[in-house]
PDB file of N, CA and C in Angstrom:
ATOM      1  N   MET A   1     -10.706 -25.274 -15.365  1.00  0.00           N
ATOM      2  CA  MET A   1      -9.323 -24.752 -15.215  1.00  0.00           C
ATOM      3  C   MET A   1      -8.493 -25.285 -14.244  1.00  0.00           C
ATOM      4  N   ASN A   2      -7.349 -25.818 -14.796  1.00  0.00           N
ATOM      5  CA  ASN A   2      -6.474 -26.571 -13.731  1.00  0.00           C
ATOM      6  C   ASN A   2      -5.608 -25.690 -12.799  1.00  0.00           C
ATOM      7  N   ASN A   3      -5.057 -26.414 -11.977  1.00  0.00           N
ATOM      8  CA  ASN A   3      -4.410 -25.529 -10.906  1.00  0.00           C
ATOM      9  C   ASN A   3      -3.224 -24.570 -11.452  1.00  0.00           C
ATOM     10  N   ASP A   4      -2.447 -25.151 -12.581  1.00  0.00           N
ATOM     11  CA  ASP A   4      -1.396 -24.322 -13.051  1.00  0.00           C
ATOM     12  C   ASP A   4      -1.918 -23.046 -13.700  1.00  0.00           C
ATOM     13  N   ALA A   5      -3.007 -23.203 -14.519  1.00  0.00           N
ATOM     14  CA  ALA A   5      -3.646 -22.031 -15.088  1.00  0.00           C
ATOM     15  C   ALA A   5      -4.039 -21.037 -14.043  1.00  0.00           C
ATOM     16  N   MET A   6      -4.720 -21.534 -12.927  1.00  0.00           N
ATOM     17  CA  MET A   6      -5.155 -20.403 -11.961  1.00  0.00           C
ATOM     18  C   MET A   6      -4.053 -19.813 -11.321  1.00  0.00           C
ATOM     19  N   LEU A   7      -2.998 -20.535 -10.969  1.00  0.00           N
ATOM     20  CA  LEU A   7      -1.775 -19.975 -10.365  1.00  0.00           C
ATOM     21  C   LEU A   7      -1.206 -19.006 -11.365  1.00  0.00           C
ATOM     22  N   TYR A   8      -1.081 -19.303 -12.655  1.00  0.00           N
ATOM     23  CA  TYR A   8      -0.468 -18.413 -13.543  1.00  0.00           C
ATOM     24  C   TYR A   8      -1.307 -17.212 -13.701  1.00  0.00           C
ATOM     25  N   ASP A   9      -2.560 -17.291 -13.664  1.00  0.00           N
ATOM     26  CA  ASP A   9      -3.640 -16.014 -13.717  1.00  0.00           C
ATOM     27  C   ASP A   9      -3.411 -15.317 -12.589  1.00  0.00           C
ATOM     28  N   TYR A  10      -3.214 -15.777 -11.354  1.00  0.00           N
ATOM     29  CA  TYR A  10      -3.006 -15.016 -10.188  1.00  0.00           C
ATOM     30  C   TYR A  10      -1.681 -14.355 -10.096  1.00  0.00           C
ATOM     31  N   LEU A  11      -0.684 -14.884 -10.512  1.00  0.00           N
ATOM     32  CA  LEU A  11       0.650 -14.471 -10.747  1.00  0.00           C
ATOM     33  C   LEU A  11       0.669 -13.123 -11.749  1.00  0.00           C
ATOM     34  N   LEU A  12      -0.080 -13.336 -12.889  1.00  0.00           N
ATOM     35  CA  LEU A  12      -0.324 -12.251 -13.921  1.00  0.00           C
ATOM     36  C   LEU A  12      -0.947 -11.050 -12.970  1.00  0.00           C
ATOM     37  N   GLN A  13      -1.948 -11.251 -12.306  1.00  0.00           N
ATOM     38  CA  GLN A  13      -2.630 -10.282 -11.519  1.00  0.00           C
ATOM     39  C   GLN A  13      -1.663  -9.458 -10.498  1.00  0.00           C
ATOM     40  N   MET A  14      -0.987 -10.252  -9.836  1.00  0.00           N
ATOM     41  CA  MET A  14      -0.009  -9.798  -8.986  1.00  0.00           C
ATOM     42  C   MET A  14       0.968  -8.999  -9.535  1.00  0.00           C
ATOM     43  N   GLY A  15       1.563  -9.431 -10.574  1.00  0.00           N
ATOM     44  CA  GLY A  15       2.553  -8.864 -11.562  1.00  0.00           C
ATOM     45  C   GLY A  15       2.046  -7.365 -11.986  1.00  0.00           C
ATOM     46  N   ALA A  16       0.885  -7.404 -12.319  1.00  0.00           N
ATOM     47  CA  ALA A  16       0.169  -5.962 -12.686  1.00  0.00           C
ATOM     48  C   ALA A  16       0.131  -4.954 -11.643  1.00  0.00           C
ATOM     49  N   MET A  17       0.239  -5.487 -10.312  1.00  0.00           N
ATOM     50  CA  MET A  17       0.170  -4.721  -9.281  1.00  0.00           C
ATOM     51  C   MET A  17       1.627  -4.077  -8.880  1.00  0.00           C
ATOM     52  N   ARG A  18       2.565  -4.743  -9.418  1.00  0.00           N
ATOM     53  CA  ARG A  18       4.036  -4.403  -9.154  1.00  0.00           C
ATOM     54  C   ARG A  18       4.444  -2.877  -9.215  1.00  0.00           C
ATOM     55  N   PRO A  19       3.987  -2.135 -10.291  1.00  0.00           N
ATOM     56  CA  PRO A  19       4.377  -0.860 -10.435  1.00  0.00           C
ATOM     57  C   PRO A  19       3.630   0.021  -9.358  1.00  0.00           C
ATOM     58  N   GLU A  20       2.402  -0.219  -8.969  1.00  0.00           N
ATOM     59  CA  GLU A  20       1.881   0.578  -7.845  1.00  0.00           C
ATOM     60  C   GLU A  20       2.654   0.279  -6.507  1.00  0.00           C
ATOM     61  N   GLN A  21       3.074  -1.001  -6.407  1.00  0.00           N
ATOM     62  CA  GLN A  21       3.768  -1.330  -5.192  1.00  0.00           C
ATOM     63  C   GLN A  21       5.094  -0.603  -5.151  1.00  0.00           C
ATOM     64  N   ASP A  22       5.787  -0.398  -6.263  1.00  0.00           N
ATOM     65  CA  ASP A  22       6.897   0.222  -6.254  1.00  0.00           C
ATOM     66  C   ASP A  22       6.778   1.825  -6.127  1.00  0.00           C
ATOM     67  N   GLU A  23       5.694   2.315  -6.562  1.00  0.00           N
ATOM     68  CA  GLU A  23       5.500   3.784  -6.360  1.00  0.00           C
ATOM     69  C   GLU A  23       5.052   3.993  -4.984  1.00  0.00           C
ATOM     70  N   LEU A  24       4.415   3.143  -4.208  1.00  0.00           N
ATOM     71  CA  LEU A  24       4.063   3.188  -2.794  1.00  0.00           C
ATOM     72  C   LEU A  24       5.333   3.236  -2.092  1.00  0.00           C
ATOM     73  N   LYS A  25       6.314   2.406  -2.431  1.00  0.00           N
ATOM     74  CA  LYS A  25       7.565   2.392  -1.757  1.00  0.00           C
ATOM     75  C   LYS A  25       8.281   3.682  -1.858  1.00  0.00           C
ATOM     76  N   ARG A  26       8.272   4.291  -3.060  1.00  0.00           N
ATOM     77  CA  ARG A  26       9.027   5.556  -3.201  1.00  0.00           C
ATOM     78  C   ARG A  26       8.306   6.685  -2.455  1.00  0.00           C
ATOM     79  N   LYS A  27       7.054   6.562  -2.401  1.00  0.00           N
ATOM     80  CA  LYS A  27       6.286   7.534  -1.570  1.00  0.00           C
ATOM     81  C   LYS A  27       6.599   7.428  -0.220  1.00  0.00           C
ATOM     82  N   GLN A  28       6.723   6.047   0.282  1.00  0.00           N
ATOM     83  CA  GLN A  28       6.854   5.962   1.727  1.00  0.00           C
ATOM     84  C   GLN A  28       8.101   6.445   2.141  1.00  0.00           C
ATOM     85  N   ALA A  29       9.219   6.198   1.163  1.00  0.00           N
ATOM     86  CA  ALA A  29      10.530   6.703   1.573  1.00  0.00           C
ATOM     87  C   ALA A  29      10.524   8.317   1.600  1.00  0.00           C
ATOM     88  N   MET A  30       9.757   8.978   0.655  1.00  0.00           N
ATOM     89  CA  MET A  30       9.684  10.454   0.828  1.00  0.00           C
ATOM     90  C   MET A  30       9.226  10.779   2.260  1.00  0.00           C
ATOM     91  N   VAL A  31       8.010  10.195   2.485  1.00  0.00           N
ATOM     92  CA  VAL A  31       7.363  10.477   3.747  1.00  0.00           C
ATOM     93  C   VAL A  31       8.386  10.206   5.023  1.00  0.00           C
ATOM     94  N   ASP A  32       9.086   9.163   4.872  1.00  0.00           N
ATOM     95  CA  ASP A  32      10.114   8.924   5.971  1.00  0.00           C
ATOM     96  C   ASP A  32      11.175   9.916   5.980  1.00  0.00           C
ATOM     97  N   ALA A  33      11.590  10.396   4.896  1.00  0.00           N
ATOM     98  CA  ALA A  33      12.573  11.391   4.844  1.00  0.00           C
ATOM     99  C   ALA A  33      11.951  12.817   5.431  1.00  0.00           C
ATOM    100  N   LEU A  34      10.910  13.128   5.123  1.00  0.00           N
ATOM    101  CA  LEU A  34      10.088  14.399   5.724  1.00  0.00           C
ATOM    102  C   LEU A  34      10.020  14.215   7.254  1.00  0.00           C
ATOM    103  N   ARG A  35       9.732  13.037   7.611  1.00  0.00           N
ATOM    104  CA  ARG A  35       9.477  12.923   8.986  1.00  0.00           C
ATOM    105  C   ARG A  35      10.875  12.908   9.748  1.00  0.00           C
ATOM    106  N   GLN A  36      11.955  12.442   9.114  1.00  0.00           N
ATOM    107  CA  GLN A  36      13.196  12.461   9.642  1.00  0.00           C
ATOM    108  C   GLN A  36      13.738  13.890   9.841  1.00  0.00           C
ATOM    109  N   ASN A  37      13.495  14.689   8.622  1.00  0.00           N
ATOM    110  CA  ASN A  37      13.897  16.083   8.841  1.00  0.00           C
ATOM    111  C   ASN A  37      13.057  17.002   9.773  1.00  0.00           C
ATOM    112  N   ALA A  38      11.921  16.535   9.996  1.00  0.00           N
ATOM    113  CA  ALA A  38      10.925  17.331  10.926  1.00  0.00           C
ATOM    114  C   ALA A  38      11.495  16.961  12.323  1.00  0.00           C
ATOM    115  N   MET A  39      12.018  15.728  12.462  1.00  0.00           N
ATOM    116  CA  MET A  39      12.425  15.508  13.927  1.00  0.00           C
ATOM    117  C   MET A  39      13.898  15.784  14.418  1.00  0.00           C
ATOM    118  N   THR A  40      14.687  16.336  13.395  1.00  0.00           N
ATOM    119  CA  THR A  40      16.055  16.868  13.901  1.00  0.00           C
ATOM    120  C   THR A  40      15.953  18.032  14.626  1.00  0.00           C
ATOM    121  N   SER A  41      16.732  18.256  15.521  1.00  0.00           N
ATOM    122  CA  SER A  41      16.774  19.391  16.415  1.00  0.00           C
ATOM    123  C   SER A  41      17.535  20.600  15.714  1.00  0.00           C
ATOM    124  N   GLN A  42      16.816  21.789  16.003  1.00  0.00           N
ATOM    125  CA  GLN A  42      17.579  22.859  15.424  1.00  0.00           C
ATOM    126  C   GLN A  42      18.832  23.260  16.244  1.00  0.00           C
ATOM    127  N   GLN A  43      19.904  23.910  15.542  1.00  0.00           N
ATOM    128  CA  GLN A  43      20.943  24.147  16.191  1.00  0.00           C
ATOM    129  C   GLN A  43      21.251  25.590  15.779  1.00  0.00           C
ATOM    130  N   GLY A  44      21.928  26.390  16.768  1.00  0.00           N
ATOM    131  CA  GLY A  44      22.324  27.679  16.665  1.00  0.00           C
ATOM    132  C   GLY A  44      23.650  27.759  15.846  1.00  0.00           C
ATOM    133  N   GLN A  45      24.348  28.951  15.675  1.00  0.00           N
ATOM    134  CA  GLN A  45      25.490  29.020  14.910  1.00  0.00           C
ATOM    135  C   GLN A  45      26.249  30.079  15.447  1.00  0.00           C
ATOM    136  N   MET A  46      27.659  29.961  15.502  1.00  0.00           N
ATOM    137  CA  MET A  46      28.504  31.073  15.843  1.00  0.00           C
ATOM    138  C   MET A  46      28.884  31.932  14.584  1.00  0.00           C
ATOM    139  N   ILE A  47      28.563  33.088  14.699  1.00  0.00           N
ATOM    140  CA  ILE A  47      28.867  34.026  13.646  1.00  0.00           C
ATOM    141  C   ILE A  47      29.744  34.971  14.165  1.00  0.00           C
ATOM    142  N   GLY A  48      30.991  34.883  13.691  1.00  0.00           N
ATOM    143  CA  GLY A  48      32.195  35.790  14.380  1.00  0.00           C
ATOM    144  C   GLY A  48      32.284  35.205  15.806  1.00  0.00           C
ATOM    145  N   LYS A  49      32.109  36.128  16.708  1.00  0.00           N
ATOM    146  CA  LYS A  49      32.319  35.874  18.087  1.00  0.00           C
ATOM    147  C   LYS A  49      30.850  35.762  18.876  1.00  0.00           C
ATOM    148  N   HIS A  50      29.885  35.932  18.138  1.00  0.00           N
ATOM    149  CA  HIS A  50      28.600  35.864  18.532  1.00  0.00           C
ATOM    150  C   HIS A  50      27.702  34.566  18.235  1.00  0.00           C
ATOM    151  N   TYR A  51      27.055  34.141  19.211  1.00  0.00           N
ATOM    152  CA  TYR A  51      26.159  32.989  18.889  1.00  0.00           C
ATOM    153  C   TYR A  51      24.766  33.351  18.488  1.00  0.00           C
ATOM    154  N   VAL A  52      24.241  32.744  17.413  1.00  0.00           N
ATOM    155  CA  VAL A  52      22.970  33.173  16.941  1.00  0.00           C
ATOM    156  C   VAL A  52      21.987  31.991  16.919  1.00  0.00           C
ATOM    157  N   GLY A  53      21.243  31.963  17.719  1.00  0.00           N
ATOM    158  CA  GLY A  53      20.304  30.771  17.936  1.00  0.00           C
ATOM    159  C   GLY A  53      19.288  30.504  16.826  1.00  0.00           C
ATOM    160  N   PRO A  54      18.840  29.447  16.890  1.00  0.00           N
ATOM    161  CA  PRO A  54      17.891  29.070  15.733  1.00  0.00           C
ATOM    162  C   PRO A  54      16.590  29.915  15.683  1.00  0.00           C
ATOM    163  N   GLY A  55      16.307  30.139  14.605  1.00  0.00           N
ATOM    164  CA  GLY A  55      15.310  31.169  14.279  1.00  0.00           C
ATOM    165  C   GLY A  55      13.788  30.431  14.131  1.00  0.00           C
ATOM    166  N   ILE A  56      12.892  31.428  14.259  1.00  0.00           N
ATOM    167  CA  ILE A  56      11.367  30.830  14.211  1.00  0.00           C
ATOM    168  C   ILE A  56      11.236  30.400  12.765  1.00  0.00           C
ATOM    169  N   ALA A  57      11.798  30.958  11.824  1.00  0.00           N
ATOM    170  CA  ALA A  57      11.464  30.348  10.465  1.00  0.00           C
ATOM    171  C   ALA A  57      11.904  28.776  10.235  1.00  0.00           C
ATOM    172  N   GLY A  58      13.117  28.447  10.846  1.00  0.00           N
ATOM    173  CA  GLY A  58      13.293  27.222  10.964  1.00  0.00           C
ATOM    174  C   GLY A  58      12.419  26.109  11.536  1.00  0.00           C
ATOM    175  N   ALA A  59      11.800  26.584  12.654  1.00  0.00           N
ATOM    176  CA  ALA A  59      10.928  25.942  13.616  1.00  0.00           C
ATOM    177  C   ALA A  59       9.682  25.808  12.737  1.00  0.00           C
ATOM    178  N   LEU A  60       9.146  26.739  12.002  1.00  0.00           N
ATOM    179  CA  LEU A  60       8.044  26.753  11.162  1.00  0.00           C
ATOM    180  C   LEU A  60       8.332  25.914   9.948  1.00  0.00           C
ATOM    181  N   GLY A  61       9.558  25.887   9.456  1.00  0.00           N
ATOM    182  CA  GLY A  61       9.729  24.822   8.389  1.00  0.00           C
ATOM    183  C   GLY A  61       9.542  23.473   8.839  1.00  0.00           C
ATOM    184  N   GLN A  62      10.137  23.225  10.095  1.00  0.00           N
ATOM    185  CA  GLN A  62       9.979  21.828  10.647  1.00  0.00           C
ATOM    186  C   GLN A  62       8.493  21.484  10.792  1.00  0.00           C
ATOM    187  N   LEU A  63       7.706  22.383  11.278  1.00  0.00           N
ATOM    188  CA  LEU A  63       6.430  22.143  11.352  1.00  0.00           C
ATOM    189  C   LEU A  63       5.734  21.904  10.155  1.00  0.00           C
ATOM    190  N   GLY A  64       6.056  22.529   9.041  1.00  0.00           N
ATOM    191  CA  GLY A  64       5.588  22.342   7.693  1.00  0.00           C
ATOM    192  C   GLY A  64       5.934  20.910   7.239  1.00  0.00           C
ATOM    193  N   GLN A  65       7.100  20.525   7.480  1.00  0.00           N
ATOM    194  CA  GLN A  65       7.514  19.007   7.108  1.00  0.00           C
ATOM    195  C   GLN A  65       6.867  18.087   7.732  1.00  0.00           C
ATOM    196  N   ALA A  66       6.649  18.182   9.084  1.00  0.00           N
ATOM    197  CA  ALA A  66       5.935  17.201   9.975  1.00  0.00           C
ATOM    198  C   ALA A  66       4.489  17.172   9.382  1.00  0.00           C
ATOM    199  N   TYR A  67       3.769  18.303   9.069  1.00  0.00           N
ATOM    200  CA  TYR A  67       2.420  18.210   8.491  1.00  0.00           C
ATOM    201  C   TYR A  67       2.363  17.470   7.147  1.00  0.00           C
ATOM    202  N   PHE A  68       3.241  17.763   6.375  1.00  0.00           N
ATOM    203  CA  PHE A  68       3.274  17.057   5.024  1.00  0.00           C
ATOM    204  C   PHE A  68       3.489  15.571   5.047  1.00  0.00           C
ATOM    205  N   ALA A  69       4.407  15.365   6.010  1.00  0.00           N
ATOM    206  CA  ALA A  69       4.803  13.930   6.283  1.00  0.00           C
ATOM    207  C   ALA A  69       3.421  13.257   6.788  1.00  0.00           C
ATOM    208  N   LYS A  70       2.732  13.654   7.666  1.00  0.00           N
ATOM    209  CA  LYS A  70       1.507  13.221   8.279  1.00  0.00           C
ATOM    210  C   LYS A  70       0.603  12.997   7.079  1.00  0.00           C
ATOM    211  N   GLN A  71       0.343  14.031   6.098  1.00  0.00           N
ATOM    212  CA  GLN A  71      -0.653  13.957   5.034  1.00  0.00           C
ATOM    213  C   GLN A  71      -0.293  12.839   4.109  1.00  0.00           C
ATOM    214  N   GLY A  72       1.185  12.791   3.939  1.00  0.00           N
ATOM    215  CA  GLY A  72       1.697  11.881   2.967  1.00  0.00           C
ATOM    216  C   GLY A  72       1.528  10.566   3.349  1.00  0.00           C
ATOM    217  N   GLN A  73       1.732  10.344   4.682  1.00  0.00           N
ATOM    218  CA  GLN A  73       1.506   8.976   5.317  1.00  0.00           C
ATOM    219  C   GLN A  73      -0.028   8.447   5.311  1.00  0.00           C
ATOM    220  N   ALA A  74      -0.924   9.427   5.545  1.00  0.00           N
ATOM    221  CA  ALA A  74      -2.343   9.080   5.398  1.00  0.00           C
ATOM    222  C   ALA A  74      -2.698   8.626   3.848  1.00  0.00           C
ATOM    223  N   GLY A  75      -2.145   9.381   2.984  1.00  0.00           N
ATOM    224  CA  GLY A  75      -2.340   8.864   1.613  1.00  0.00           C
ATOM    225  C   GLY A  75      -1.708   7.501   1.253  1.00  0.00           C
ATOM    226  N   VAL A  76      -0.452   7.324   1.769  1.00  0.00           N
ATOM    227  CA  VAL A  76       0.180   5.983   1.478  1.00  0.00           C
ATOM    228  C   VAL A  76      -0.655   4.745   2.000  1.00  0.00           C
ATOM    229  N   ASP A  77      -1.139   5.165   3.346  1.00  0.00           N
ATOM    230  CA  ASP A  77      -1.925   4.004   4.103  1.00  0.00           C
ATOM    231  C   ASP A  77      -3.186   3.761   3.317  1.00  0.00           C
ATOM    232  N   GLN A  78      -3.697   4.803   2.831  1.00  0.00           N
ATOM    233  CA  GLN A  78      -5.048   4.560   2.230  1.00  0.00           C
ATOM    234  C   GLN A  78      -4.923   3.539   0.949  1.00  0.00           C
ATOM    235  N   ARG A  79      -3.837   4.059   0.180  1.00  0.00           N
ATOM    236  CA  ARG A  79      -3.578   3.387  -1.088  1.00  0.00           C
ATOM    237  C   ARG A  79      -3.184   1.877  -0.826  1.00  0.00           C
ATOM    238  N   MET A  80      -2.379   1.705   0.324  1.00  0.00           N
ATOM    239  CA  MET A  80      -2.049   0.287   0.676  1.00  0.00           C
ATOM    240  C   MET A  80      -3.399  -0.430   1.019  1.00  0.00           C
ATOM    241  N   GLN A  81      -4.164   0.004   1.810  1.00  0.00           N
ATOM    242  CA  GLN A  81      -5.393  -0.569   2.225  1.00  0.00           C
ATOM    243  C   GLN A  81      -6.229  -1.070   0.904  1.00  0.00           C
ATOM    244  N   GLY A  82      -6.223   0.008  -0.022  1.00  0.00           N
ATOM    245  CA  GLY A  82      -6.968  -0.386  -1.285  1.00  0.00           C
ATOM    246  C   GLY A  82      -6.248  -1.615  -1.913  1.00  0.00           C
ATOM    247  N   MET A  83      -4.906  -1.532  -2.048  1.00  0.00           N
ATOM    248  CA  MET A  83      -4.088  -2.562  -2.723  1.00  0.00           C
ATOM    249  C   MET A  83      -4.326  -3.969  -1.912  1.00  0.00           C
ATOM    250  N   ASN A  84      -4.274  -4.032  -0.601  1.00  0.00           N
ATOM    251  CA  ASN A  84      -4.474  -5.024   0.211  1.00  0.00           C
ATOM    252  C   ASN A  84      -5.876  -5.704  -0.200  1.00  0.00           C
ATOM    253  N   GLU A  85      -6.893  -4.890  -0.131  1.00  0.00           N
ATOM    254  CA  GLU A  85      -8.142  -5.269  -0.333  1.00  0.00           C
ATOM    255  C   GLU A  85      -8.195  -6.048  -1.857  1.00  0.00           C
ATOM    256  N   ARG A  86      -7.573  -5.538  -2.920  1.00  0.00           N
ATOM    257  CA  ARG A  86      -7.580  -6.097  -4.270  1.00  0.00           C
ATOM    258  C   ARG A  86      -6.863  -7.403  -4.134  1.00  0.00           C
ATOM    259  N   GLN A  87      -5.803  -7.522  -3.285  1.00  0.00           N
ATOM    260  CA  GLN A  87      -4.996  -8.925  -3.326  1.00  0.00           C
ATOM    261  C   GLN A  87      -5.993  -9.921  -2.582  1.00  0.00           C
ATOM    262  N   ARG A  88      -6.701  -9.534  -1.413  1.00  0.00           N
ATOM    263  CA  ARG A  88      -7.569 -10.241  -0.811  1.00  0.00           C
ATOM    264  C   ARG A  88      -8.643 -10.834  -1.832  1.00  0.00           C
ATOM    265  N   GLN A  89      -9.147 -10.069  -2.545  1.00  0.00           N
ATOM    266  CA  GLN A  89     -10.317 -10.279  -3.440  1.00  0.00           C
ATOM    267  C   GLN A  89      -9.696 -11.370  -4.569  1.00  0.00           C
ATOM    268  N   MET A  90      -8.505 -11.082  -4.965  1.00  0.00           N
ATOM    269  CA  MET A  90      -8.045 -12.058  -5.940  1.00  0.00           C
ATOM    270  C   MET A  90      -7.698 -13.431  -5.301  1.00  0.00           C
ATOM    271  N   LEU A  91      -7.251 -13.360  -4.336  1.00  0.00           N
ATOM    272  CA  LEU A  91      -6.995 -14.853  -3.414  1.00  0.00           C
ATOM    273  C   LEU A  91      -8.491 -15.512  -3.148  1.00  0.00           C
ATOM    274  N   GLU A  92      -9.685 -14.674  -2.917  1.00  0.00           N
ATOM    275  CA  GLU A  92     -10.808 -15.186  -2.734  1.00  0.00           C
ATOM    276  C   GLU A  92     -11.340 -15.718  -4.020  1.00  0.00           C
ATOM    277  N   ASP A  93     -11.120 -15.094  -5.135  1.00  0.00           N
ATOM    278  CA  ASP A  93     -11.524 -15.554  -6.367  1.00  0.00           C
ATOM    279  C   ASP A  93     -10.911 -16.867  -6.789  1.00  0.00           C
ATOM    280  N   LEU A  94      -9.527 -16.893  -6.430  1.00  0.00           N
ATOM    281  CA  LEU A  94      -8.751 -18.089  -6.832  1.00  0.00           C
ATOM    282  C   LEU A  94      -9.245 -19.341  -5.906  1.00  0.00           C
ATOM    283  N   ARG A  95      -9.803 -18.977  -4.751  1.00  0.00           N
ATOM    284  CA  ARG A  95     -10.301 -20.116  -3.813  1.00  0.00           C
ATOM    285  C   ARG A  95     -11.528 -20.717  -4.521  1.00  0.00           C
ATOM    286  N   ARG A  96     -12.337 -19.709  -4.877  1.00  0.00           N
ATOM    287  CA  ARG A  96     -13.767 -20.007  -5.277  1.00  0.00           C
ATOM    288  C   ARG A  96     -13.607 -20.694  -6.575  1.00  0.00           C
ATOM    289  N   ARG A  97     -12.520 -20.577  -7.488  1.00  0.00           N
ATOM    290  CA  ARG A  97     -12.500 -21.257  -8.808  1.00  0.00           C
ATOM    291  C   ARG A  97     -11.823 -22.665  -8.424  1.00  0.00           C
ATOM    292  N   ARG A  98     -11.194 -22.886  -7.296  1.00  0.00           N
ATOM    293  CA  ARG A  98     -10.786 -24.087  -7.018  1.00  0.00           C
ATOM    294  C   ARG A  98     -11.786 -25.168  -6.407  1.00  0.00           C
ATOM    295  N   GLN A  99     -12.777 -24.607  -6.136  1.00  0.00           N
ATOM    296  CA  GLN A  99     -14.067 -25.477  -5.570  1.00  0.00           C
ATOM    297  C   GLN A  99     -14.442 -26.200  -6.540  1.00  0.00           C
ATOM    298  N   PRO A 100     -14.835 -27.583  -6.267  1.00  0.00           N
ATOM    299  CA  PRO A 100     -15.433 -28.434  -7.361  1.00  0.00           C
ATOM    300  C   PRO A 100     -16.794 -27.836  -7.823  1.00  0.00           C
ATOM    301  N   GLY A 101     -16.915 -27.944  -9.281  1.00  0.00           N
ATOM    302  CA  GLY A 101     -18.177 -27.418  -9.754  1.00  0.00           C
ATOM    303  C   GLY A 101     -18.196 -26.043 -10.118  1.00  0.00           C
ATOM    304  N   TYR A 102     -17.106 -25.241  -9.852  1.00  0.00           N
ATOM    305  CA  TYR A 102     -17.186 -23.869 -10.459  1.00  0.00           C
ATOM    306  C   TYR A 102     -17.099 -23.738 -11.817  1.00  0.00           C
ATOM    307  N   GLY A 103     -17.908 -22.944 -12.386  1.00  0.00           N
ATOM    308  CA  GLY A 103     -18.084 -22.781 -13.823  1.00  0.00           C
ATOM    309  C   GLY A 103     -19.017 -23.625 -14.563  1.00  0.00           C
ATOM    310  N   THR A 104     -19.505 -24.659 -13.862  1.00  0.00           N
ATOM    311  CA  THR A 104     -20.481 -25.650 -14.503  1.00  0.00           C
ATOM    312  C   THR A 104     -21.767 -25.546 -13.890  1.00  0.00           C
ATOM    313  N   ALA A 105     -22.819 -25.776 -14.676  1.00  0.00           N
ATOM    314  CA  ALA A 105     -24.256 -25.818 -14.332  1.00  0.00           C
ATOM    315  C   ALA A 105     -24.480 -26.788 -13.326  1.00  0.00           C
ATOM    316  N   TYR A 106     -25.455 -26.720 -12.354  1.00  0.00           N
ATOM    317  CA  TYR A 106     -25.699 -27.686 -11.362  1.00  0.00           C
ATOM    318  C   TYR A 106     -26.546 -28.842 -12.071  1.00  0.00           C
ATOM    319  N   GLU A 107     -26.045 -30.028 -11.953  1.00  0.00           N
ATOM    320  CA  GLU A 107     -26.818 -31.209 -12.469  1.00  0.00           C
ATOM    321  C   GLU A 107     -27.078 -32.192 -11.355  1.00  0.00           C
ATOM    322  N   PRO A 108     -28.320 -32.617 -11.001  1.00  0.00           N
ATOM    323  CA  PRO A 108     -28.490 -33.459  -9.952  1.00  0.00           C
ATOM    324  C   PRO A 108     -27.975 -34.878 -10.232  1.00  0.00           C
ATOM    325  N   ALA A 109     -27.367 -35.533  -9.300  1.00  0.00           N
ATOM    326  CA  ALA A 109     -26.659 -36.734  -9.490  1.00  0.00           C
ATOM    327  C   ALA A 109     -27.719 -37.933  -9.957  1.00  0.00           C
ATOM    328  N   MET A 110     -29.141 -37.820  -9.500  1.00  0.00           N
ATOM    329  CA  MET A 110     -29.912 -38.879 -10.039  1.00  0.00           C
ATOM    330  C   MET A 110     -31.268 -38.098 -10.321  1.00  0.00           C
ATOM    331  N   ASP A 111     -31.963 -38.652 -11.212  1.00  0.00           N
ATOM    332  CA  ASP A 111     -33.182 -38.145 -11.766  1.00  0.00           C
ATOM    333  C   ASP A 111     -34.289 -38.964 -11.080  1.00  0.00           C
ATOM    334  N   PHE A 112     -34.966 -38.278 -10.141  1.00  0.00           N
ATOM    335  CA  PHE A 112     -36.039 -39.147  -9.462  1.00  0.00           C
ATOM    336  C   PHE A 112     -37.331 -39.172 -10.075  1.00  0.00           C
ATOM    337  N   GLY A 113     -37.432 -38.418 -11.304  1.00  0.00           N
ATOM    338  CA  GLY A 113     -38.537 -38.614 -11.801  1.00  0.00           C
ATOM    339  C   GLY A 113     -39.866 -37.916 -11.237  1.00  0.00           C
ATOM    340  N   GLU A 114     -41.024 -38.253 -11.583  1.00  0.00           N
ATOM    341  CA  GLU A 114     -42.221 -37.765 -10.826  1.00  0.00           C
ATOM    342  C   GLU A 114     -42.741 -38.895  -9.992  1.00  0.00           C
ATOM    343  N   TYR A 115     -42.991 -38.666  -8.855  1.00  0.00           N
ATOM    344  CA  TYR A 115     -43.572 -39.855  -7.938  1.00  0.00           C
ATOM    345  C   TYR A 115     -45.113 -39.504  -7.757  1.00  0.00           C
TER     346      TYR A 115
END
C-alpha cells in the first residue's frame, strides 16, 4: 500500500469520528453553561419597599446544576479519552503499515541449504 493510500485511509477514519467530536463539543458547551449558572451569585429583590433575600430553593437549584455539571463533565472526559485512544490506535496502525515488509510473508535473503 503506498503512502497516499495509507493517508487517505487514515483521513477517512478521522472523518468518520467527526460526528462524535461535534457531539462532544455540544455536550461540553452544555456542561460549561451549567457550571456558569451554578457559579453566579444569588441576588435578592426589592418588592415594594421591602427587600426579599435569596431563597433556599435558588441555592438548592444551583447545587443541582453544579452536580449535573460535574456528572456531565465526567461523561465528556470519559468519551474524549476513548476517542483519543482510538486515534492513537489508528496512528499506530498507520506506522505499522509503513514499515517495510508489512503484509508480506517473511522470505530469507539467502538460502543456506543444509550443511
